[in-house]
């Protein structure tokens, strides 16, 4: 099984589950990373790079191969998302409120194209 992580889920993981305390969680997470079962998108990396968590930024820099540049099929998927007026409004409002970066449609598109599961966190 493959999981596409949004920056919010990675932030929650790094903020709340310390490696020295939650050892088995991190062993499993690192195993999934090593087996290419955790993936993400370049847009999530951009959100992480602007985020406050230094440990997460360092981890993302070390694991940049997880954060793929969207392929054409993902671009087409994002286009389908934006074709729905309800989503256009919600996504644009969130983008404006969050300083112009929004990985959500790209995370969804990556999961759709890769037949993977989205891992995110409600803000």
C-alpha atoms as a PDB file:
ATOM      1  CA  UNK A   1       0.000   0.000   0.000  1.00  0.00           C
ATOM      2  CA  UNK A   2       1.265   3.468  -0.891  1.00  0.00           C
ATOM      3  CA  UNK A   3       0.459   6.635   1.057  1.00  0.00           C
ATOM      4  CA  UNK A   4       0.611  10.200  -0.257  1.00  0.00           C
ATOM      5  CA  UNK A   5       1.394  12.502   2.656  1.00  0.00           C
ATOM      6  CA  UNK A   6       0.235  16.077   2.822  1.00  0.00           C
ATOM      7  CA  UNK A   7       2.470  18.546   4.641  1.00  0.00           C
ATOM      8  CA  UNK A   8      -0.120  18.870   7.442  1.00  0.00           C
ATOM      9  CA  UNK A   9       0.158  15.171   8.318  1.00  0.00           C
ATOM     10  CA  UNK A  10       3.952  15.277   8.239  1.00  0.00           C
ATOM     11  CA  UNK A  11       3.913  18.405  10.414  1.00  0.00           C
ATOM     12  CA  UNK A  12       1.647  16.712  12.963  1.00  0.00           C
ATOM     13  CA  UNK A  13       3.882  13.645  12.981  1.00  0.00           C
ATOM     14  CA  UNK A  14       7.065  15.629  13.570  1.00  0.00           C
ATOM     15  CA  UNK A  15       5.455  18.038  16.042  1.00  0.00           C
ATOM     16  CA  UNK A  16       3.674  15.517  18.248  1.00  0.00           C
ATOM     17  CA  UNK A  17       5.441  12.156  18.040  1.00  0.00           C
ATOM     18  CA  UNK A  18       9.035  12.442  19.240  1.00  0.00           C
ATOM     19  CA  UNK A  19      11.392   9.812  17.847  1.00  0.00           C
ATOM     20  CA  UNK A  20      12.874   8.994  21.241  1.00  0.00           C
ATOM     21  CA  UNK A  21       9.416   8.345  22.747  1.00  0.00           C
ATOM     22  CA  UNK A  22       7.488   6.760  19.855  1.00  0.00           C
ATOM     23  CA  UNK A  23      10.228   4.442  18.616  1.00  0.00           C
ATOM     24  CA  UNK A  24       8.022   1.761  17.082  1.00  0.00           C
ATOM     25  CA  UNK A  25       5.987   4.365  15.186  1.00  0.00           C
ATOM     26  CA  UNK A  26       9.155   5.832  13.691  1.00  0.00           C
ATOM     27  CA  UNK A  27      10.602   2.404  12.875  1.00  0.00           C
ATOM     28  CA  UNK A  28       7.464   1.627  10.901  1.00  0.00           C
ATOM     29  CA  UNK A  29       7.391   5.051   9.264  1.00  0.00           C
ATOM     30  CA  UNK A  30      11.057   4.832   8.267  1.00  0.00           C
ATOM     31  CA  UNK A  31      10.461   1.343   6.870  1.00  0.00           C
ATOM     32  CA  UNK A  32       7.607   2.655   4.726  1.00  0.00           C
ATOM     33  CA  UNK A  33       9.842   5.489   3.500  1.00  0.00           C
ATOM     34  CA  UNK A  34      12.645   3.036   2.658  1.00  0.00           C
ATOM     35  CA  UNK A  35      10.168   0.846   0.748  1.00  0.00           C
ATOM     36  CA  UNK A  36       8.868   3.824  -1.268  1.00  0.00           C
ATOM     37  CA  UNK A  37       5.431   3.421   0.273  1.00  0.00           C
ATOM     38  CA  UNK A  38       5.349   7.028   1.464  1.00  0.00           C
ATOM     39  CA  UNK A  39       5.308   9.596  -1.290  1.00  0.00           C
ATOM     40  CA  UNK A  40       4.283  13.206  -1.687  1.00  0.00           C
ATOM     41  CA  UNK A  41       4.510  16.064  -4.119  1.00  0.00           C
ATOM     42  CA  UNK A  42       6.758  19.038  -4.767  1.00  0.00           C
ATOM     43  CA  UNK A  43       4.022  21.416  -3.614  1.00  0.00           C
ATOM     44  CA  UNK A  44       3.939  19.763  -0.167  1.00  0.00           C
ATOM     45  CA  UNK A  45       7.712  20.162   0.020  1.00  0.00           C
ATOM     46  CA  UNK A  46       7.340  23.882  -0.685  1.00  0.00           C
ATOM     47  CA  UNK A  47       4.897  24.191   2.216  1.00  0.00           C
ATOM     48  CA  UNK A  48       7.322  22.309   4.482  1.00  0.00           C
ATOM     49  CA  UNK A  49      10.244  24.522   3.437  1.00  0.00           C
ATOM     50  CA  UNK A  50       8.256  27.582   4.552  1.00  0.00           C
ATOM     51  CA  UNK A  51       7.100  25.912   7.765  1.00  0.00           C
ATOM     52  CA  UNK A  52       8.346  26.353  11.323  1.00  0.00           C
ATOM     53  CA  UNK A  53       9.574  22.800  12.001  1.00  0.00           C
ATOM     54  CA  UNK A  54      13.319  22.605  11.490  1.00  0.00           C
ATOM     55  CA  UNK A  55      13.442  18.834  12.046  1.00  0.00           C
ATOM     56  CA  UNK A  56      10.796  18.315   9.356  1.00  0.00           C
ATOM     57  CA  UNK A  57      12.594  20.661   6.955  1.00  0.00           C
ATOM     58  CA  UNK A  58      15.835  18.736   7.516  1.00  0.00           C
ATOM     59  CA  UNK A  59      14.081  15.391   7.029  1.00  0.00           C
ATOM     60  CA  UNK A  60      12.413  16.607   3.834  1.00  0.00           C
ATOM     61  CA  UNK A  61      15.728  17.841   2.489  1.00  0.00           C
ATOM     62  CA  UNK A  62      17.281  14.429   3.148  1.00  0.00           C
ATOM     63  CA  UNK A  63      14.283  12.658   1.572  1.00  0.00           C
ATOM     64  CA  UNK A  64      13.654  14.939  -1.403  1.00  0.00           C
ATOM     65  CA  UNK A  65      13.004  11.979  -3.700  1.00  0.00           C
ATOM     66  CA  UNK A  66       9.661  11.479  -1.907  1.00  0.00           C
ATOM     67  CA  UNK A  67       8.461  14.873  -3.153  1.00  0.00           C
ATOM     68  CA  UNK A  68       7.966  14.290  -6.872  1.00  0.00           C
ATOM     69  CA  UNK A  69       7.323  16.930  -9.494  1.00  0.00           C
ATOM     70  CA  UNK A  70       3.795  16.437 -10.829  1.00  0.00           C
ATOM     71  CA  UNK A  71       3.543  14.523 -14.098  1.00  0.00           C
ATOM     72  CA  UNK A  72       1.117  15.346 -16.916  1.00  0.00           C
ATOM     73  CA  UNK A  73      -1.540  12.933 -15.629  1.00  0.00           C
ATOM     74  CA  UNK A  74      -1.469  14.685 -12.250  1.00  0.00           C
ATOM     75  CA  UNK A  75      -1.841  18.051 -13.971  1.00  0.00           C
ATOM     76  CA  UNK A  76      -4.905  16.739 -15.778  1.00  0.00           C
ATOM     77  CA  UNK A  77      -6.287  15.457 -12.453  1.00  0.00           C
ATOM     78  CA  UNK A  78      -5.787  18.888 -10.845  1.00  0.00           C
ATOM     79  CA  UNK A  79      -7.561  20.411 -13.835  1.00  0.00           C
ATOM     80  CA  UNK A  80     -10.530  18.124 -13.168  1.00  0.00           C
ATOM     81  CA  UNK A  81     -10.587  19.262  -9.532  1.00  0.00           C
ATOM     82  CA  UNK A  82     -10.568  22.917 -10.560  1.00  0.00           C
ATOM     83  CA  UNK A  83     -13.355  22.330 -13.085  1.00  0.00           C
ATOM     84  CA  UNK A  84     -15.815  21.989 -10.181  1.00  0.00           C
ATOM     85  CA  UNK A  85     -16.858  25.492  -9.127  1.00  0.00           C
ATOM     86  CA  UNK A  86     -17.287  24.513  -5.471  1.00  0.00           C
ATOM     87  CA  UNK A  87     -13.659  23.391  -5.302  1.00  0.00           C
ATOM     88  CA  UNK A  88     -12.425  26.442  -7.210  1.00  0.00           C
ATOM     89  CA  UNK A  89     -13.886  28.702  -4.558  1.00  0.00           C
ATOM     90  CA  UNK A  90     -12.645  26.691  -1.550  1.00  0.00           C
ATOM     91  CA  UNK A  91      -9.168  26.132  -2.937  1.00  0.00           C
ATOM     92  CA  UNK A  92      -8.674  29.735  -3.988  1.00  0.00           C
ATOM     93  CA  UNK A  93      -9.842  31.064  -0.612  1.00  0.00           C
ATOM     94  CA  UNK A  94      -7.491  28.717   1.265  1.00  0.00           C
ATOM     95  CA  UNK A  95      -4.658  29.633  -1.086  1.00  0.00           C
ATOM     96  CA  UNK A  96      -5.182  33.324  -0.387  1.00  0.00           C
ATOM     97  CA  UNK A  97      -5.366  32.733   3.370  1.00  0.00           C
ATOM     98  CA  UNK A  98      -2.215  30.576   3.405  1.00  0.00           C
ATOM     99  CA  UNK A  99       0.092  32.907   1.516  1.00  0.00           C
ATOM    100  CA  UNK A 100      -0.267  31.453  -1.962  1.00  0.00           C
ATOM    101  CA  UNK A 101       0.823  27.830  -1.445  1.00  0.00           C
ATOM    102  CA  UNK A 102      -1.663  24.990  -1.542  1.00  0.00           C
ATOM    103  CA  UNK A 103      -0.581  21.411  -2.100  1.00  0.00           C
ATOM    104  CA  UNK A 104      -3.989  19.801  -1.524  1.00  0.00           C
ATOM    105  CA  UNK A 105      -5.108  19.326  -5.143  1.00  0.00           C
ATOM    106  CA  UNK A 106      -1.636  18.034  -6.070  1.00  0.00           C
ATOM    107  CA  UNK A 107      -1.632  15.548  -3.177  1.00  0.00           C
ATOM    108  CA  UNK A 108      -5.056  14.308  -4.276  1.00  0.00           C
ATOM    109  CA  UNK A 109      -3.924  14.096  -7.900  1.00  0.00           C
ATOM    110  CA  UNK A 110      -0.774  12.167  -6.975  1.00  0.00           C
ATOM    111  CA  UNK A 111      -2.865   9.688  -4.990  1.00  0.00           C
ATOM    112  CA  UNK A 112      -5.363   9.350  -7.822  1.00  0.00           C
ATOM    113  CA  UNK A 113      -2.686   8.689 -10.427  1.00  0.00           C
ATOM    114  CA  UNK A 114      -0.623   6.391  -8.164  1.00  0.00           C
ATOM    115  CA  UNK A 115      -3.692   4.530  -6.848  1.00  0.00           C
ATOM    116  CA  UNK A 116      -2.563   5.467  -3.347  1.00  0.00           C
ATOM    117  CA  UNK A 117      -4.161   6.667  -0.113  1.00  0.00           C
ATOM    118  CA  UNK A 118      -4.070  10.312   0.999  1.00  0.00           C
ATOM    119  CA  UNK A 119      -2.784  11.033   4.492  1.00  0.00           C
ATOM    120  CA  UNK A 120      -3.718  14.499   5.667  1.00  0.00           C
ATOM    121  CA  UNK A 121      -4.845  16.362   8.742  1.00  0.00           C
ATOM    122  CA  UNK A 122      -7.781  18.692   9.079  1.00  0.00           C
ATOM    123  CA  UNK A 123      -6.586  22.147  10.092  1.00  0.00           C
END
